[in-house]
C-alpha atoms as a PDB file:
ATOM      1  CA  MET A   1      -5.670  -0.299 -10.885  1.00  0.00           C
ATOM      2  CA  GLN A   2      -8.971  -0.863 -12.663  1.00  0.00           C
ATOM      3  CA  LEU A   3     -12.147  -2.782 -11.830  1.00  0.00           C
ATOM      4  CA  SER A   4     -13.571  -5.006 -14.558  1.00  0.00           C
ATOM      5  CA  ASP A   5     -16.862  -4.562 -16.391  1.00  0.00           C
ATOM      6  CA  ASN A   6     -18.034  -7.769 -14.673  1.00  0.00           C
ATOM      7  CA  PHE A   7     -17.691  -6.020 -11.320  1.00  0.00           C
ATOM      8  CA  PHE A   8     -19.718  -2.969 -12.304  1.00  0.00           C
ATOM      9  CA  ASN A   9     -22.360  -5.062 -14.069  1.00  0.00           C
ATOM     10  CA  GLY A  10     -22.803  -7.360 -11.059  1.00  0.00           C
ATOM     11  CA  ARG A  11     -22.429  -5.086  -8.026  1.00  0.00           C
ATOM     12  CA  ARG A  12     -25.322  -3.386  -6.240  1.00  0.00           C
ATOM     13  CA  LEU A  13     -24.825   0.046  -4.698  1.00  0.00           C
ATOM     14  CA  GLU A  14     -26.836  -0.181  -1.482  1.00  0.00           C
ATOM     15  CA  THR A  15     -25.039   2.338   0.728  1.00  0.00           C
ATOM     16  CA  LEU A  16     -22.886   5.398   0.058  1.00  0.00           C
ATOM     17  CA  VAL A  17     -20.348   4.548   2.770  1.00  0.00           C
ATOM     18  CA  GLU A  18     -18.260   1.379   2.418  1.00  0.00           C
ATOM     19  CA  ASN A  19     -20.655  -0.351   0.038  1.00  0.00           C
ATOM     20  CA  GLN A  20     -19.362  -3.918  -0.043  1.00  0.00           C
ATOM     21  CA  THR A  21     -19.222  -6.287  -3.015  1.00  0.00           C
ATOM     22  CA  SER A  22     -17.831  -9.713  -2.086  1.00  0.00           C
ATOM     23  CA  TYR A  23     -16.634 -12.816  -3.926  1.00  0.00           C
ATOM     24  CA  THR A  24     -15.763 -16.007  -2.039  1.00  0.00           C
ATOM     25  CA  MET A  25     -13.394 -18.695  -3.291  1.00  0.00           C
ATOM     26  CA  ASN A  26     -11.801 -21.789  -1.715  1.00  0.00           C
ATOM     27  CA  ASN A  27      -8.897 -20.052   0.019  1.00  0.00           C
ATOM     28  CA  ALA A  28      -9.773 -16.379  -0.107  1.00  0.00           C
ATOM     29  CA  ALA A  29     -12.560 -13.846  -0.199  1.00  0.00           C
ATOM     30  CA  MET A  30     -12.284 -10.581  -2.111  1.00  0.00           C
ATOM     31  CA  HIS A  31     -14.235  -7.556  -0.934  1.00  0.00           C
ATOM     32  CA  VAL A  32     -14.402  -4.282  -2.842  1.00  0.00           C
ATOM     33  CA  PHE A  33     -15.463  -1.332  -0.686  1.00  0.00           C
ATOM     34  CA  GLU A  34     -16.791   1.879  -2.248  1.00  0.00           C
ATOM     35  CA  THR A  35     -17.490   5.154  -0.460  1.00  0.00           C
ATOM     36  CA  HIS A  36     -19.324   7.957  -2.280  1.00  0.00           C
ATOM     37  CA  GLU A  37     -19.486  10.639   0.402  1.00  0.00           C
ATOM     38  CA  GLN A  38     -17.248  11.991   3.149  1.00  0.00           C
ATOM     39  CA  ALA A  39     -17.273   9.896   6.301  1.00  0.00           C
ATOM     40  CA  ALA A  40     -15.219   9.401   9.448  1.00  0.00           C
ATOM     41  CA  SER A  41     -14.485   6.751  12.078  1.00  0.00           C
ATOM     42  CA  ILE A  42     -15.764   3.789  10.051  1.00  0.00           C
ATOM     43  CA  LEU A  43     -14.819   0.539  11.802  1.00  0.00           C
ATOM     44  CA  LEU A  44     -13.756  -2.619   9.969  1.00  0.00           C
ATOM     45  CA  LYS A  45     -12.329  -5.997  10.975  1.00  0.00           C
ATOM     46  CA  PHE A  46     -11.695  -9.358   9.255  1.00  0.00           C
ATOM     47  CA  GLU A  47     -11.505 -12.825  10.781  1.00  0.00           C
ATOM     48  CA  GLN A  48      -8.576 -13.830   8.530  1.00  0.00           C
ATOM     49  CA  PRO A  49      -5.308 -12.127   7.519  1.00  0.00           C
ATOM     50  CA  VAL A  50      -6.105  -9.489   4.931  1.00  0.00           C
ATOM     51  CA  LEU A  51      -4.340  -7.663   2.126  1.00  0.00           C
ATOM     52  CA  ALA A  52      -5.864  -4.217   1.624  1.00  0.00           C
ATOM     53  CA  SER A  53      -4.990  -2.356  -1.588  1.00  0.00           C
ATOM     54  CA  MET A  54      -6.166   1.099  -2.571  1.00  0.00           C
ATOM     55  CA  ILE A  55      -7.789   1.333  -6.001  1.00  0.00           C
ATOM     56  CA  GLN A  56      -9.046   4.911  -6.083  1.00  0.00           C
ATOM     57  CA  GLY A  57      -9.212   7.938  -3.790  1.00  0.00           C
ATOM     58  CA  LYS A  58      -7.766   8.455  -0.326  1.00  0.00           C
ATOM     59  CA  LYS A  59      -8.362   6.987   3.120  1.00  0.00           C
ATOM     60  CA  ILE A  60      -6.893   7.962   6.448  1.00  0.00           C
ATOM     61  CA  MET A  61      -6.140   4.811   8.424  1.00  0.00           C
ATOM     62  CA  HIS A  62      -6.082   4.577  12.219  1.00  0.00           C
ATOM     63  CA  LEU A  63      -4.656   1.356  13.654  1.00  0.00           C
ATOM     64  CA  ARG A  64      -4.353   0.459  17.299  1.00  0.00           C
ATOM     65  CA  ASP A  65      -1.330   2.082  18.971  1.00  0.00           C
ATOM     66  CA  TYR A  66      -0.056   3.668  15.747  1.00  0.00           C
ATOM     67  CA  GLU A  67      -0.027   7.178  14.322  1.00  0.00           C
ATOM     68  CA  SER A  68      -2.634   7.649  11.567  1.00  0.00           C
ATOM     69  CA  PHE A  69      -1.488   7.688   7.938  1.00  0.00           C
ATOM     70  CA  ASP A  70      -2.812   8.340   4.446  1.00  0.00           C
ATOM     71  CA  PHE A  71      -3.647   5.262   2.375  1.00  0.00           C
ATOM     72  CA  LEU A  72      -3.336   6.019  -1.344  1.00  0.00           C
ATOM     73  CA  PRO A  73      -3.629   4.267  -4.744  1.00  0.00           C
ATOM     74  CA  GLY A  74      -0.609   2.113  -5.500  1.00  0.00           C
ATOM     75  CA  GLU A  75      -0.203   1.068  -1.855  1.00  0.00           C
ATOM     76  CA  SER A  76      -1.067  -2.073   0.080  1.00  0.00           C
ATOM     77  CA  LEU A  77      -1.361  -2.971   3.735  1.00  0.00           C
ATOM     78  CA  VAL A  78      -1.128  -6.448   5.292  1.00  0.00           C
ATOM     79  CA  LEU A  79      -3.099  -6.899   8.513  1.00  0.00           C
ATOM     80  CA  PRO A  80      -3.472  -9.877  10.863  1.00  0.00           C
ATOM     81  CA  ALA A  81      -6.777 -11.565  11.594  1.00  0.00           C
ATOM     82  CA  ASN A  82      -9.135  -9.603  13.850  1.00  0.00           C
ATOM     83  CA  GLU A  83      -7.125  -6.373  13.597  1.00  0.00           C
ATOM     84  CA  GLY A  84      -9.485  -3.456  14.068  1.00  0.00           C
ATOM     85  CA  MET A  85      -9.318  -0.560  11.618  1.00  0.00           C
ATOM     86  CA  CYS A  86     -10.819   2.892  11.965  1.00  0.00           C
ATOM     87  CA  ILE A  87     -11.075   4.722   8.635  1.00  0.00           C
ATOM     88  CA  ASP A  88     -11.759   8.304   7.552  1.00  0.00           C
ATOM     89  CA  PHE A  89     -12.809   9.344   4.038  1.00  0.00           C
ATOM     90  CA  PRO A  90     -12.029  13.073   3.832  1.00  0.00           C
ATOM     91  CA  GLU A  91     -12.324  13.441   0.043  1.00  0.00           C
ATOM     92  CA  ALA A  92     -14.910  10.852  -1.053  1.00  0.00           C
ATOM     93  CA  MET A  93     -17.753  12.110  -3.238  1.00  0.00           C
ATOM     94  CA  ALA A  94     -20.177  10.759  -5.824  1.00  0.00           C
ATOM     95  CA  LYS A  95     -18.044  11.917  -8.767  1.00  0.00           C
ATOM     96  CA  ASN A  96     -14.817  10.644  -7.197  1.00  0.00           C
ATOM     97  CA  PRO A  97     -15.577   7.702  -4.882  1.00  0.00           C
ATOM     98  CA  THR A  98     -13.002   5.930  -2.765  1.00  0.00           C
ATOM     99  CA  ARG A  99     -12.507   2.291  -3.751  1.00  0.00           C
ATOM    100  CA  CYS A 100     -10.411  -0.264  -1.897  1.00  0.00           C
ATOM    101  CA  LEU A 101      -9.797  -3.985  -2.275  1.00  0.00           C
ATOM    102  CA  ALA A 102      -9.650  -6.144   0.854  1.00  0.00           C
ATOM    103  CA  MET A 103      -8.572  -9.749   0.223  1.00  0.00           C
ATOM    104  CA  ALA A 104      -8.935 -12.088   3.179  1.00  0.00           C
ATOM    105  CA  ILE A 105      -6.636 -15.099   2.737  1.00  0.00           C
ATOM    106  CA  SER A 106      -6.928 -18.273   4.776  1.00  0.00           C
ATOM    107  CA  GLU A 107      -4.091 -18.957   7.210  1.00  0.00           C
ATOM    108  CA  ASP A 108      -3.994 -22.541   5.930  1.00  0.00           C
ATOM    109  CA  LYS A 109      -3.180 -21.234   2.431  1.00  0.00           C
ATOM    110  CA  ILE A 110      -0.462 -18.937   3.806  1.00  0.00           C
ATOM    111  CA  ASN A 111       1.081 -21.815   5.797  1.00  0.00           C
ATOM    112  CA  LYS A 112       1.115 -24.086   2.731  1.00  0.00           C
ATOM    113  CA  VAL A 113       2.915 -21.400   0.736  1.00  0.00           C
ATOM    114  CA  LEU A 114       5.452 -21.007   3.555  1.00  0.00           C
ATOM    115  CA  GLN A 115       6.054 -24.758   3.533  1.00  0.00           C
ATOM    116  CA  PHE A 116       6.507 -24.671  -0.249  1.00  0.00           C
ATOM    117  CA  MET A 117       8.998 -21.789   0.027  1.00  0.00           C
ATOM    118  CA  ASN A 118      11.041 -23.484   2.750  1.00  0.00           C
ATOM    119  CA  GLU A 119      11.234 -26.695   0.732  1.00  0.00           C
ATOM    120  CA  ASN A 120      11.876 -25.166  -2.686  1.00  0.00           C
ATOM    121  CA  MET A 121      13.078 -21.587  -2.151  1.00  0.00           C
ATOM    122  CA  PRO A 122      15.298 -21.627   0.958  1.00  0.00           C
ATOM    123  CA  LYS A 123      16.880 -18.373   2.061  1.00  0.00           C
ATOM    124  CA  SER A 124      20.617 -17.902   1.659  1.00  0.00           C
ATOM    125  CA  THR A 125      20.728 -17.714   5.449  1.00  0.00           C
ATOM    126  CA  LYS A 126      19.698 -20.677   7.587  1.00  0.00           C
ATOM    127  CA  GLU A 127      16.622 -18.790   8.756  1.00  0.00           C
ATOM    128  CA  ALA A 128      13.325 -20.307   7.576  1.00  0.00           C
ATOM    129  CA  TRP A 129      10.595 -18.401   5.830  1.00  0.00           C
ATOM    130  CA  GLY A 130       7.999 -17.352   8.380  1.00  0.00           C
ATOM    131  CA  LEU A 131       4.902 -15.224   8.608  1.00  0.00           C
ATOM    132  CA  MET A 132       5.295 -11.734   7.196  1.00  0.00           C
ATOM    133  CA  ASP A 133       5.294  -8.685   9.413  1.00  0.00           C
ATOM    134  CA  TYR A 134       1.700  -7.727   9.955  1.00  0.00           C
ATOM    135  CA  ASN A 135       0.756  -4.062   9.762  1.00  0.00           C
ATOM    136  CA  PHE A 136       3.173  -4.040   6.807  1.00  0.00           C
ATOM    137  CA  HIS A 137       2.483  -0.978   4.632  1.00  0.00           C
ATOM    138  CA  PHE A 138       4.226  -0.848   1.272  1.00  0.00           C
ATOM    139  CA  VAL A 139       4.124   0.530  -2.237  1.00  0.00           C
ATOM    140  CA  ASN A 140       3.154  -2.126  -4.790  1.00  0.00           C
ATOM    141  CA  ASP A 141       5.921  -3.063  -7.165  1.00  0.00           C
ATOM    142  CA  ARG A 142       4.966  -3.848 -10.749  1.00  0.00           C
ATOM    143  CA  GLY A 143       4.677  -7.611 -10.132  1.00  0.00           C
ATOM    144  CA  ILE A 144       2.330  -7.229  -7.169  1.00  0.00           C
ATOM    145  CA  PHE A 145       0.298  -4.591  -8.997  1.00  0.00           C
ATOM    146  CA  GLN A 146      -0.264  -6.893 -11.978  1.00  0.00           C
ATOM    147  CA  ILE A 147      -1.249  -9.858  -9.782  1.00  0.00           C
ATOM    148  CA  ILE A 148      -3.784  -7.794  -7.851  1.00  0.00           C
ATOM    149  CA  GLN A 149      -5.139  -6.427 -11.149  1.00  0.00           C
ATOM    150  CA  ARG A 150      -5.501  -9.971 -12.463  1.00  0.00           C
ATOM    151  CA  LEU A 151      -7.210 -11.166  -9.260  1.00  0.00           C
ATOM    152  CA  LEU A 152      -9.723  -8.316  -9.515  1.00  0.00           C
ATOM    153  CA  PHE A 153     -10.679  -9.727 -12.883  1.00  0.00           C
ATOM    154  CA  LEU A 154     -10.622 -13.414 -11.898  1.00  0.00           C
ATOM    155  CA  PHE A 155     -12.771 -13.092  -8.781  1.00  0.00           C
ATOM    156  CA  SER A 156     -15.543 -11.384 -10.740  1.00  0.00           C
ATOM    157  CA  GLU A 157     -15.230 -13.651 -13.798  1.00  0.00           C
ATOM    158  CA  ASP A 158     -17.774 -16.376 -14.497  1.00  0.00           C
ATOM    159  CA  HIS A 159     -15.462 -19.264 -15.403  1.00  0.00           C
ATOM    160  CA  PRO A 160     -15.677 -22.934 -14.336  1.00  0.00           C
ATOM    161  CA  SER A 161     -11.928 -23.093 -13.532  1.00  0.00           C
ATOM    162  CA  LYS A 162     -11.561 -19.782 -11.738  1.00  0.00           C
ATOM    163  CA  ASP A 163     -10.926 -21.447  -8.355  1.00  0.00           C
ATOM    164  CA  LEU A 164      -7.800 -23.017  -9.853  1.00  0.00           C
ATOM    165  CA  PHE A 165      -6.733 -19.771 -11.506  1.00  0.00           C
ATOM    166  CA  VAL A 166      -7.222 -17.790  -8.298  1.00  0.00           C
ATOM    167  CA  ASP A 167      -5.396 -20.373  -6.195  1.00  0.00           C
ATOM    168  CA  ASN A 168      -2.304 -20.196  -8.408  1.00  0.00           C
ATOM    169  CA  MET A 169      -2.339 -16.409  -8.397  1.00  0.00           C
ATOM    170  CA  LEU A 170      -2.721 -16.329  -4.611  1.00  0.00           C
ATOM    171  CA  ARG A 171       0.391 -18.448  -4.172  1.00  0.00           C
ATOM    172  CA  GLU A 172       2.421 -16.091  -6.339  1.00  0.00           C
ATOM    173  CA  LEU A 173       0.964 -13.068  -4.524  1.00  0.00           C
ATOM    174  CA  ILE A 174       1.884 -14.450  -1.095  1.00  0.00           C
ATOM    175  CA  ILE A 175       5.421 -15.293  -2.258  1.00  0.00           C
ATOM    176  CA  ARG A 176       5.929 -11.823  -3.709  1.00  0.00           C
ATOM    177  CA  ILE A 177       4.608 -10.108  -0.583  1.00  0.00           C
ATOM    178  CA  LEU A 178       6.864 -12.213   1.651  1.00  0.00           C
ATOM    179  CA  GLN A 179       9.848 -11.362  -0.541  1.00  0.00           C
ATOM    180  CA  THR A 180       8.866  -7.693  -0.538  1.00  0.00           C
ATOM    181  CA  ASN A 181       8.553  -7.806   3.240  1.00  0.00           C
ATOM    182  CA  GLU A 182      12.031  -9.336   3.383  1.00  0.00           C
ATOM    183  CA  ARG A 183      13.492  -6.578   1.197  1.00  0.00           C
ATOM    184  CA  LYS A 184      11.387  -3.787   2.753  1.00  0.00           C
ATOM    185  CA  ILE A 185      10.890  -2.017  -0.597  1.00  0.00           C
ATOM    186  CA  TYR A 186       8.878   0.581   1.256  1.00  0.00           C
ATOM    187  CA  SER A 187       9.996   0.843   4.863  1.00  0.00           C
ATOM    188  CA  ASN A 188       7.362  -0.168   7.371  1.00  0.00           C
ATOM    189  CA  ALA A 189       8.544   2.795   9.393  1.00  0.00           C
ATOM    190  CA  THR A 190       5.262   4.249   8.125  1.00  0.00           C
ATOM    191  CA  LEU A 191       3.577   2.383  10.962  1.00  0.00           C
ATOM    192  CA  SER A 192       6.402   2.059  13.427  1.00  0.00           C
ATOM    193  CA  ILE A 193       5.913   5.392  15.166  1.00  0.00           C
ATOM    194  CA  LYS A 194       3.827   4.901  18.269  1.00  0.00           C
ATOM    195  CA  LYS A 195       1.452   7.658  19.273  1.00  0.00           C
ATOM    196  CA  GLU A 196       3.507   8.556  22.341  1.00  0.00           C
ATOM    197  CA  SER A 197       6.811   8.856  20.429  1.00  0.00           C
ATOM    198  CA  ARG A 198       8.637  12.172  20.576  1.00  0.00           C
ATOM    199  CA  LEU A 199       8.925  11.984  16.767  1.00  0.00           C
ATOM    200  CA  THR A 200       5.183  11.778  16.155  1.00  0.00           C
ATOM    201  CA  GLU A 201       4.839  15.506  15.457  1.00  0.00           C
ATOM    202  CA  VAL A 202       7.795  15.417  13.066  1.00  0.00           C
ATOM    203  CA  ILE A 203       6.321  12.489  11.112  1.00  0.00           C
ATOM    204  CA  ARG A 204       2.982  14.267  10.904  1.00  0.00           C
ATOM    205  CA  TYR A 205       4.715  17.438   9.689  1.00  0.00           C
ATOM    206  CA  ILE A 206       6.646  15.544   7.000  1.00  0.00           C
ATOM    207  CA  ARG A 207       3.489  13.903   5.677  1.00  0.00           C
ATOM    208  CA  ASP A 208       1.537  17.160   5.667  1.00  0.00           C
ATOM    209  CA  ASN A 209       4.352  19.056   3.940  1.00  0.00           C
ATOM    210  CA  VAL A 210       6.002  16.418   1.782  1.00  0.00           C
ATOM    211  CA  HIS A 211       5.597  18.660  -1.277  1.00  0.00           C
ATOM    212  CA  LYS A 212       7.709  21.394   0.349  1.00  0.00           C
ATOM    213  CA  SER A 213      11.432  21.738   0.971  1.00  0.00           C
ATOM    214  CA  LEU A 214      12.359  19.694   4.067  1.00  0.00           C
ATOM    215  CA  ASN A 215      15.676  19.379   5.856  1.00  0.00           C
ATOM    216  CA  VAL A 216      17.154  18.042   9.083  1.00  0.00           C
ATOM    217  CA  ASP A 217      17.695  21.502  10.595  1.00  0.00           C
ATOM    218  CA  SER A 218      14.063  22.572  10.308  1.00  0.00           C
ATOM    219  CA  LEU A 219      12.736  19.177  11.425  1.00  0.00           C
ATOM    220  CA  SER A 220      15.033  19.096  14.449  1.00  0.00           C
ATOM    221  CA  LYS A 221      13.489  22.381  15.640  1.00  0.00           C
ATOM    222  CA  ILE A 222      10.029  20.800  15.562  1.00  0.00           C
ATOM    223  CA  ALA A 223      11.390  17.939  17.673  1.00  0.00           C
ATOM    224  CA  CYS A 224      13.128  20.431  20.007  1.00  0.00           C
ATOM    225  CA  MET A 225      16.473  18.692  19.505  1.00  0.00           C
ATOM    226  CA  SER A 226      19.818  19.641  18.073  1.00  0.00           C
ATOM    227  CA  PRO A 227      20.260  18.506  14.435  1.00  0.00           C
ATOM    228  CA  SER A 228      22.784  15.813  15.357  1.00  0.00           C
ATOM    229  CA  HIS A 229      20.692  14.456  18.252  1.00  0.00           C
ATOM    230  CA  PHE A 230      17.546  14.517  16.092  1.00  0.00           C
ATOM    231  CA  TYR A 231      19.304  12.598  13.300  1.00  0.00           C
ATOM    232  CA  ARG A 232      20.566   9.895  15.686  1.00  0.00           C
ATOM    233  CA  THR A 233      17.185   9.582  17.455  1.00  0.00           C
ATOM    234  CA  PHE A 234      15.253   9.407  14.186  1.00  0.00           C
ATOM    235  CA  LYS A 235      17.474   6.686  12.759  1.00  0.00           C
ATOM    236  CA  LEU A 236      17.419   4.728  16.015  1.00  0.00           C
ATOM    237  CA  GLU A 237      13.600   4.746  16.260  1.00  0.00           C
ATOM    238  CA  LEU A 238      12.765   4.237  12.569  1.00  0.00           C
ATOM    239  CA  GLY A 239      15.807   2.389  11.260  1.00  0.00           C
ATOM    240  CA  ILE A 240      16.295   4.870   8.404  1.00  0.00           C
ATOM    241  CA  SER A 241      17.575   8.435   8.166  1.00  0.00           C
ATOM    242  CA  PRO A 242      15.251  11.469   7.956  1.00  0.00           C
ATOM    243  CA  VAL A 243      16.154  11.970   4.286  1.00  0.00           C
ATOM    244  CA  GLU A 244      15.376   8.316   3.490  1.00  0.00           C
ATOM    245  CA  PHE A 245      12.030   8.622   5.251  1.00  0.00           C
ATOM    246  CA  ILE A 246      11.189  11.846   3.380  1.00  0.00           C
ATOM    247  CA  ASN A 247      12.100  10.214   0.065  1.00  0.00           C
ATOM    248  CA  ASN A 248       9.994   7.162   0.919  1.00  0.00           C
ATOM    249  CA  GLU A 249       7.005   9.417   1.578  1.00  0.00           C
ATOM    250  CA  ARG A 250       7.614  11.304  -1.665  1.00  0.00           C
ATOM    251  CA  ILE A 251       7.932   8.140  -3.746  1.00  0.00           C
ATOM    252  CA  LYS A 252       4.802   6.760  -2.104  1.00  0.00           C
ATOM    253  CA  LEU A 253       2.946   9.890  -3.263  1.00  0.00           C
ATOM    254  CA  ALA A 254       4.553   9.708  -6.714  1.00  0.00           C
ATOM    255  CA  VAL A 255       3.394   6.106  -7.223  1.00  0.00           C
ATOM    256  CA  GLY A 256      -0.184   7.216  -6.596  1.00  0.00           C
ATOM    257  CA  LEU A 257       0.083  10.240  -8.907  1.00  0.00           C
ATOM    258  CA  LEU A 258       1.621   8.174 -11.711  1.00  0.00           C
ATOM    259  CA  GLN A 259      -1.526   6.039 -11.839  1.00  0.00           C
ATOM    260  CA  ASP A 260      -2.952   8.933 -13.891  1.00  0.00           C
ATOM    261  CA  PRO A 261      -1.490   8.653 -17.428  1.00  0.00           C
ATOM    262  CA  LYS A 262      -2.342  12.308 -18.116  1.00  0.00           C
ATOM    263  CA  ARG A 263       0.031  13.608 -15.442  1.00  0.00           C
ATOM    264  CA  SER A 264       3.410  14.748 -16.723  1.00  0.00           C
ATOM    265  CA  ILE A 265       6.547  13.544 -14.979  1.00  0.00           C
ATOM    266  CA  LYS A 266       7.469  17.158 -14.261  1.00  0.00           C
ATOM    267  CA  ASP A 267       4.157  17.810 -12.506  1.00  0.00           C
ATOM    268  CA  VAL A 268       4.595  14.622 -10.467  1.00  0.00           C
ATOM    269  CA  TYR A 269       8.104  15.310  -9.191  1.00  0.00           C
ATOM    270  CA  LEU A 270       7.288  18.935  -8.338  1.00  0.00           C
ATOM    271  CA  ASP A 271       4.073  17.924  -6.550  1.00  0.00           C
ATOM    272  CA  CYS A 272       6.128  15.432  -4.537  1.00  0.00           C
ATOM    273  CA  GLY A 273       8.689  17.974  -3.367  1.00  0.00           C
ATOM    274  CA  PHE A 274      11.610  16.981  -5.591  1.00  0.00           C
ATOM    275  CA  GLU A 275      13.596  19.909  -6.969  1.00  0.00           C
ATOM    276  CA  SER A 276      15.135  18.146  -9.956  1.00  0.00           C
ATOM    277  CA  ARG A 277      13.975  15.445 -12.328  1.00  0.00           C
ATOM    278  CA  SER A 278      17.339  13.679 -12.296  1.00  0.00           C
ATOM    279  CA  TYR A 279      17.260  13.208  -8.522  1.00  0.00           C
ATOM    280  CA  PHE A 280      13.599  12.137  -8.653  1.00  0.00           C
ATOM    281  CA  ASN A 281      14.421   9.587 -11.367  1.00  0.00           C
ATOM    282  CA  ARG A 282      17.328   8.193  -9.349  1.00  0.00           C
ATOM    283  CA  VAL A 283      15.360   7.833  -6.103  1.00  0.00           C
ATOM    284  CA  PHE A 284      12.295   6.408  -7.862  1.00  0.00           C
ATOM    285  CA  LYS A 285      14.297   3.846  -9.816  1.00  0.00           C
ATOM    286  CA  THR A 286      16.159   2.738  -6.686  1.00  0.00           C
ATOM    287  CA  ARG A 287      12.862   1.924  -4.973  1.00  0.00           C
ATOM    288  CA  GLN A 288      10.679   0.773  -7.872  1.00  0.00           C
ATOM    289  CA  HIS A 289      13.350  -0.672 -10.223  1.00  0.00           C
ATOM    290  CA  LEU A 290      11.882   1.336 -13.107  1.00  0.00           C
ATOM    291  CA  ALA A 291      12.202   4.939 -14.238  1.00  0.00           C
ATOM    292  CA  PRO A 292       9.053   7.023 -13.509  1.00  0.00           C
ATOM    293  CA  GLY A 293       8.093   7.201 -17.199  1.00  0.00           C
ATOM    294  CA  GLU A 294       8.492   3.436 -17.621  1.00  0.00           C
ATOM    295  CA  TYR A 295       6.464   2.799 -14.465  1.00  0.00           C
ATOM    296  CA  GLN A 296       3.646   5.090 -15.621  1.00  0.00           C
ATOM    297  CA  SER A 297       3.561   3.476 -19.049  1.00  0.00           C
ATOM    298  CA  LYS A 298       3.534  -0.090 -17.717  1.00  0.00           C
ATOM    299  CA  ILE A 299       0.847   0.676 -15.133  1.00  0.00           C
ATOM    300  CA  HIS A 300      -1.311   2.311 -17.806  1.00  0.00           C
ATOM    301  CA  ASN A 301      -0.833  -0.606 -20.215  1.00  0.00           C
ATOM    302  CA  SER A 302      -1.634  -3.128 -17.460  1.00  0.00           C
ATOM    303  CA  LYS A 303      -5.076  -1.598 -17.037  1.00  0.00           C
ATOM    304  CA  PHE A 304      -6.067  -2.768 -20.487  1.00  0.00           C
ATOM    305  CA  LEU A 305      -4.769  -6.334 -20.328  1.00  0.00           C
ATOM    306  CA  ASP A 306      -8.177  -7.680 -19.316  1.00  0.00           C
END
């Protein structure tokens, strides 16, 4: 994801930690936060529902009642109004700042989109479209990536009709996020482990060692359970198997690494803990609906559309 020349020409760097550049439109406000030095325990809160999307670098997010997690390029997080965030920046530096988009969207706009969907895009079941799961952490698919990229350009553009352009893009973005939430492209099990869960240490171990060989036997020892009991408990608490969770974490990392067009596919799958390219390709395509090489190429080409 790339910031436009308009952004860099218009923004003022007044602080090295969470420097904020904001643009306000009729139904949304876009804030770009930049951090140029290591920092910890930075607090942030928005009065409206917010979509946060990583542009560059790495954050560690701490949300109320949930285990902390890495927030990486290629990922987004949907939070409710007035949800407090505590953020660490372990790798930020002047030559490699952390940049994140936070888009606060009015609840009135979200409700109008829900009404539109229920009238024109009813579900196959009788259930109505409703508010998305908040604290929903997911990997951007190509459609969402391109919309966010376009909004980054539109918000900073000086155009008399940009309110109209932004409003149309917001509607599509909300629809796509709701549909993604329905499909759970990236399981929100990322945030579903409470701090007091007996699986907390296992989840932390998986995330810290995702590039290594991982299996149910070794993970069950960390949880002090038999392999069969660990497997059943893990699936009951997270809704997916340990292998599915590990693959989700690996694909999440791969999506971030593939943002760099200079990285080879081989380097990416090895850095993500996959032992063969064929298996990596199969798992990646199942979750992202594109082969890794196609995804990398399309993401790279999207950066130059504006």
